[in-house]
Amino acid sequence: MSVKIRLPSAISPENEIELDVETCTIEELFDMLSEKIGQDLKRKLVKNGELSPFINVFVNGENIRYLDGLRTVIRKGDEVSVVPAVAGG
C-alpha cells in the first residue's frame, strides 16, 4: 500500500500519483513530489516556509491548516488532496 496524492491539472499533468512511503510529513512529501514532477512544484505549494494561501491540502479529508500544517504526518494508506483555493464574491 502507498500514499495516494491527488493534484489539480494546473499543478501537475499527473492528476493522481502514488508514492511508496511508510511515514513522512507533508513538507517531505512535497520534496518527493518535486523530485518526481519538477522542482517548481514545491514553489507553487509553499511560500516563505508556509503553505501557500492559494492552496489547500487535505489528508483523508482533513485540512492540514487545522492539523500541523506542513509538519502534518502522513502514513501508508493515506490520501492527500491538493486543491487550489477558490475565492469569489
N, C-alpha and C. Protein backbone atom coordinates (compact mmCIF):
# COMPACT_ATOMS: atom_id res chain seq x y z
N MET A 1 0.85 -1.18 0.00
CA MET A 1 0.00 0.00 0.00
C MET A 1 0.90 1.24 0.00
N SER A 2 0.39 2.31 -0.57
CA SER A 2 1.18 3.53 -0.69
C SER A 2 0.32 4.73 -0.31
N VAL A 3 0.90 5.91 -0.43
CA VAL A 3 0.17 7.16 -0.21
C VAL A 3 -0.32 7.62 -1.57
N LYS A 4 -1.60 7.94 -1.66
CA LYS A 4 -2.20 8.42 -2.90
C LYS A 4 -2.29 9.94 -2.83
N ILE A 5 -1.78 10.62 -3.86
CA ILE A 5 -1.81 12.08 -3.91
C ILE A 5 -2.61 12.50 -5.13
N ARG A 6 -3.59 13.35 -4.90
CA ARG A 6 -4.40 13.90 -6.00
C ARG A 6 -4.00 15.35 -6.21
N LEU A 7 -3.69 15.68 -7.45
CA LEU A 7 -3.22 17.02 -7.80
C LEU A 7 -4.08 17.61 -8.90
N PRO A 8 -4.33 18.92 -8.85
CA PRO A 8 -5.08 19.56 -9.93
C PRO A 8 -4.21 19.68 -11.19
N SER A 9 -4.83 19.70 -12.35
CA SER A 9 -4.08 19.78 -13.60
C SER A 9 -3.28 21.07 -13.72
N ALA A 10 -3.66 22.11 -13.01
CA ALA A 10 -2.91 23.37 -13.03
C ALA A 10 -1.54 23.21 -12.35
N ILE A 11 -1.40 22.20 -11.51
CA ILE A 11 -0.15 21.99 -10.78
C ILE A 11 0.67 20.86 -11.41
N SER A 12 0.01 19.82 -11.88
CA SER A 12 0.72 18.67 -12.43
C SER A 12 -0.08 18.03 -13.56
N PRO A 13 0.62 17.56 -14.59
CA PRO A 13 -0.10 16.84 -15.65
C PRO A 13 -0.63 15.49 -15.17
N GLU A 14 -0.03 14.98 -14.09
CA GLU A 14 -0.50 13.72 -13.49
C GLU A 14 -1.48 14.07 -12.38
N ASN A 15 -2.75 13.69 -12.55
CA ASN A 15 -3.76 14.05 -11.56
C ASN A 15 -3.72 13.17 -10.33
N GLU A 16 -3.17 11.98 -10.45
CA GLU A 16 -3.09 11.09 -9.30
C GLU A 16 -1.74 10.37 -9.32
N ILE A 17 -1.04 10.46 -8.20
CA ILE A 17 0.27 9.85 -8.06
C ILE A 17 0.27 9.01 -6.80
N GLU A 18 0.91 7.86 -6.86
CA GLU A 18 1.08 7.04 -5.68
C GLU A 18 2.56 6.94 -5.37
N LEU A 19 2.91 7.18 -4.11
CA LEU A 19 4.28 7.07 -3.65
C LEU A 19 4.35 6.04 -2.53
N ASP A 20 5.36 5.21 -2.58
CA ASP A 20 5.55 4.18 -1.56
C ASP A 20 6.35 4.77 -0.41
N VAL A 21 5.66 5.21 0.64
CA VAL A 21 6.31 5.75 1.83
C VAL A 21 5.65 5.14 3.07
N GLU A 22 6.44 4.94 4.11
CA GLU A 22 5.90 4.45 5.38
C GLU A 22 5.25 5.62 6.13
N THR A 23 6.06 6.61 6.46
CA THR A 23 5.58 7.84 7.08
C THR A 23 6.46 8.98 6.61
N CYS A 24 5.87 10.16 6.55
CA CYS A 24 6.62 11.38 6.23
C CYS A 24 5.71 12.56 6.55
N THR A 25 6.29 13.75 6.52
CA THR A 25 5.47 14.95 6.70
C THR A 25 5.00 15.44 5.33
N ILE A 26 4.04 16.34 5.34
CA ILE A 26 3.57 16.93 4.09
C ILE A 26 4.73 17.63 3.38
N GLU A 27 5.57 18.33 4.13
CA GLU A 27 6.70 19.02 3.50
C GLU A 27 7.65 18.02 2.84
N GLU A 28 7.93 16.92 3.50
CA GLU A 28 8.77 15.88 2.90
C GLU A 28 8.10 15.28 1.67
N LEU A 29 6.79 15.11 1.72
CA LEU A 29 6.05 14.62 0.56
C LEU A 29 6.18 15.60 -0.60
N PHE A 30 6.08 16.90 -0.32
CA PHE A 30 6.24 17.91 -1.38
C PHE A 30 7.63 17.83 -1.99
N ASP A 31 8.65 17.57 -1.16
CA ASP A 31 10.02 17.40 -1.68
C ASP A 31 10.09 16.20 -2.62
N MET A 32 9.48 15.08 -2.23
CA MET A 32 9.47 13.88 -3.07
C MET A 32 8.73 14.13 -4.38
N LEU A 33 7.59 14.83 -4.29
CA LEU A 33 6.83 15.14 -5.50
C LEU A 33 7.61 16.08 -6.41
N SER A 34 8.34 17.03 -5.83
CA SER A 34 9.14 17.96 -6.63
C SER A 34 10.22 17.22 -7.40
N GLU A 35 10.82 16.21 -6.77
CA GLU A 35 11.82 15.40 -7.45
C GLU A 35 11.19 14.61 -8.60
N LYS A 36 9.98 14.12 -8.38
CA LYS A 36 9.30 13.30 -9.38
C LYS A 36 8.72 14.14 -10.53
N ILE A 37 8.09 15.26 -10.19
CA ILE A 37 7.38 16.07 -11.19
C ILE A 37 8.21 17.22 -11.71
N GLY A 38 8.92 17.88 -10.82
CA GLY A 38 9.70 19.06 -11.20
C GLY A 38 9.86 19.98 -10.01
N GLN A 39 11.00 20.64 -9.93
CA GLN A 39 11.34 21.46 -8.77
C GLN A 39 10.38 22.63 -8.54
N ASP A 40 9.75 23.13 -9.58
CA ASP A 40 8.86 24.28 -9.39
C ASP A 40 7.57 23.90 -8.65
N LEU A 41 7.31 22.60 -8.50
CA LEU A 41 6.10 22.17 -7.79
C LEU A 41 6.07 22.71 -6.37
N LYS A 42 7.17 22.54 -5.64
CA LYS A 42 7.19 23.00 -4.25
C LYS A 42 7.03 24.51 -4.18
N ARG A 43 7.60 25.24 -5.15
CA ARG A 43 7.44 26.70 -5.16
C ARG A 43 5.98 27.10 -5.33
N LYS A 44 5.20 26.30 -6.02
CA LYS A 44 3.77 26.58 -6.19
C LYS A 44 2.99 26.32 -4.91
N LEU A 45 3.48 25.40 -4.09
CA LEU A 45 2.74 24.97 -2.92
C LEU A 45 3.17 25.64 -1.62
N VAL A 46 4.44 26.05 -1.54
CA VAL A 46 4.99 26.60 -0.30
C VAL A 46 5.55 27.99 -0.55
N LYS A 47 5.13 28.95 0.27
CA LYS A 47 5.62 30.34 0.18
C LYS A 47 6.17 30.74 1.54
N ASN A 48 7.42 31.17 1.58
CA ASN A 48 8.07 31.62 2.82
C ASN A 48 7.96 30.58 3.95
N GLY A 49 8.13 29.32 3.59
CA GLY A 49 8.11 28.27 4.60
C GLY A 49 6.74 27.85 5.09
N GLU A 50 5.69 28.41 4.50
CA GLU A 50 4.31 28.08 4.89
C GLU A 50 3.53 27.63 3.65
N LEU A 51 2.46 26.91 3.87
CA LEU A 51 1.59 26.53 2.78
C LEU A 51 1.06 27.78 2.10
N SER A 52 1.11 27.81 0.78
CA SER A 52 0.62 28.96 0.02
C SER A 52 -0.84 29.24 0.39
N PRO A 53 -1.22 30.52 0.53
CA PRO A 53 -2.61 30.83 0.85
C PRO A 53 -3.57 30.46 -0.28
N PHE A 54 -3.03 30.17 -1.46
CA PHE A 54 -3.86 29.84 -2.61
C PHE A 54 -4.03 28.34 -2.81
N ILE A 55 -3.53 27.57 -1.84
CA ILE A 55 -3.58 26.11 -1.92
C ILE A 55 -4.16 25.55 -0.63
N ASN A 56 -5.01 24.55 -0.76
CA ASN A 56 -5.48 23.79 0.40
C ASN A 56 -5.00 22.36 0.23
N VAL A 57 -4.60 21.75 1.33
CA VAL A 57 -4.16 20.36 1.31
C VAL A 57 -4.98 19.60 2.34
N PHE A 58 -5.52 18.48 1.91
CA PHE A 58 -6.34 17.65 2.78
C PHE A 58 -5.70 16.27 2.92
N VAL A 59 -5.64 15.77 4.14
CA VAL A 59 -5.18 14.40 4.41
C VAL A 59 -6.39 13.64 4.92
N ASN A 60 -6.82 12.67 4.14
CA ASN A 60 -8.02 11.89 4.49
C ASN A 60 -9.20 12.81 4.79
N GLY A 61 -9.32 13.88 4.01
CA GLY A 61 -10.45 14.79 4.13
C GLY A 61 -10.29 15.90 5.15
N GLU A 62 -9.17 15.93 5.90
CA GLU A 62 -8.95 16.98 6.90
C GLU A 62 -7.94 17.99 6.39
N ASN A 63 -8.29 19.26 6.50
CA ASN A 63 -7.42 20.35 6.05
C ASN A 63 -6.19 20.42 6.96
N ILE A 64 -4.99 20.41 6.36
CA ILE A 64 -3.77 20.41 7.18
C ILE A 64 -3.59 21.72 7.94
N ARG A 65 -4.29 22.78 7.53
CA ARG A 65 -4.20 24.04 8.27
C ARG A 65 -4.74 23.87 9.70
N TYR A 66 -5.63 22.90 9.89
CA TYR A 66 -6.20 22.63 11.21
C TYR A 66 -5.51 21.47 11.90
N LEU A 67 -4.49 20.93 11.25
CA LEU A 67 -3.69 19.87 11.85
C LEU A 67 -2.34 20.49 12.22
N ASP A 68 -1.26 19.97 11.66
CA ASP A 68 0.07 20.51 11.95
C ASP A 68 0.70 21.19 10.73
N GLY A 69 -0.13 21.66 9.81
CA GLY A 69 0.39 22.35 8.63
C GLY A 69 1.34 21.46 7.85
N LEU A 70 2.46 22.02 7.40
CA LEU A 70 3.43 21.26 6.63
C LEU A 70 4.09 20.16 7.44
N ARG A 71 3.97 20.20 8.75
CA ARG A 71 4.53 19.17 9.62
C ARG A 71 3.53 18.02 9.88
N THR A 72 2.37 18.08 9.26
CA THR A 72 1.38 17.01 9.39
C THR A 72 2.00 15.70 8.90
N VAL A 73 1.89 14.66 9.70
CA VAL A 73 2.47 13.36 9.35
C VAL A 73 1.45 12.55 8.56
N ILE A 74 1.91 11.96 7.49
CA ILE A 74 1.07 11.05 6.71
C ILE A 74 1.69 9.66 6.76
N ARG A 75 0.82 8.67 6.59
CA ARG A 75 1.24 7.28 6.69
C ARG A 75 0.75 6.50 5.48
N LYS A 76 1.36 5.37 5.29
CA LYS A 76 0.96 4.47 4.21
C LYS A 76 -0.55 4.26 4.27
N GLY A 77 -1.21 4.38 3.13
CA GLY A 77 -2.66 4.21 3.06
C GLY A 77 -3.43 5.51 3.09
N ASP A 78 -2.77 6.62 3.45
CA ASP A 78 -3.45 7.93 3.49
C ASP A 78 -3.69 8.46 2.08
N GLU A 79 -4.69 9.33 1.97
CA GLU A 79 -4.95 10.03 0.72
C GLU A 79 -4.74 11.52 0.94
N VAL A 80 -3.95 12.12 0.08
CA VAL A 80 -3.63 13.54 0.16
C VAL A 80 -4.21 14.21 -1.08
N SER A 81 -4.98 15.26 -0.88
CA SER A 81 -5.55 16.02 -1.99
C SER A 81 -5.03 17.45 -1.92
N VAL A 82 -4.47 17.91 -3.04
CA VAL A 82 -4.01 19.29 -3.16
C VAL A 82 -5.03 20.00 -4.03
N VAL A 83 -5.63 21.07 -3.45
CA VAL A 83 -6.74 21.75 -4.11
C VAL A 83 -6.48 23.25 -4.14
N PRO A 84 -6.60 23.88 -5.32
CA PRO A 84 -6.46 25.34 -5.34
C PRO A 84 -7.60 25.97 -4.53
N ALA A 85 -7.27 27.02 -3.78
CA ALA A 85 -8.29 27.73 -3.01
C ALA A 85 -9.21 28.48 -3.98
N VAL A 86 -10.48 28.49 -3.66
CA VAL A 86 -11.46 29.15 -4.51
C VAL A 86 -11.95 30.39 -3.78
N ALA A 87 -11.95 31.50 -4.48
CA ALA A 87 -12.45 32.74 -3.90
C ALA A 87 -13.46 33.34 -4.86
N GLY A 88 -14.30 34.13 -4.32
CA GLY A 88 -15.31 34.75 -5.17
C GLY A 88 -16.19 35.65 -4.33
N GLY A 89 -17.08 36.28 -4.98
CA GLY A 89 -17.93 37.14 -4.19
C GLY A 89 -19.15 37.58 -4.91
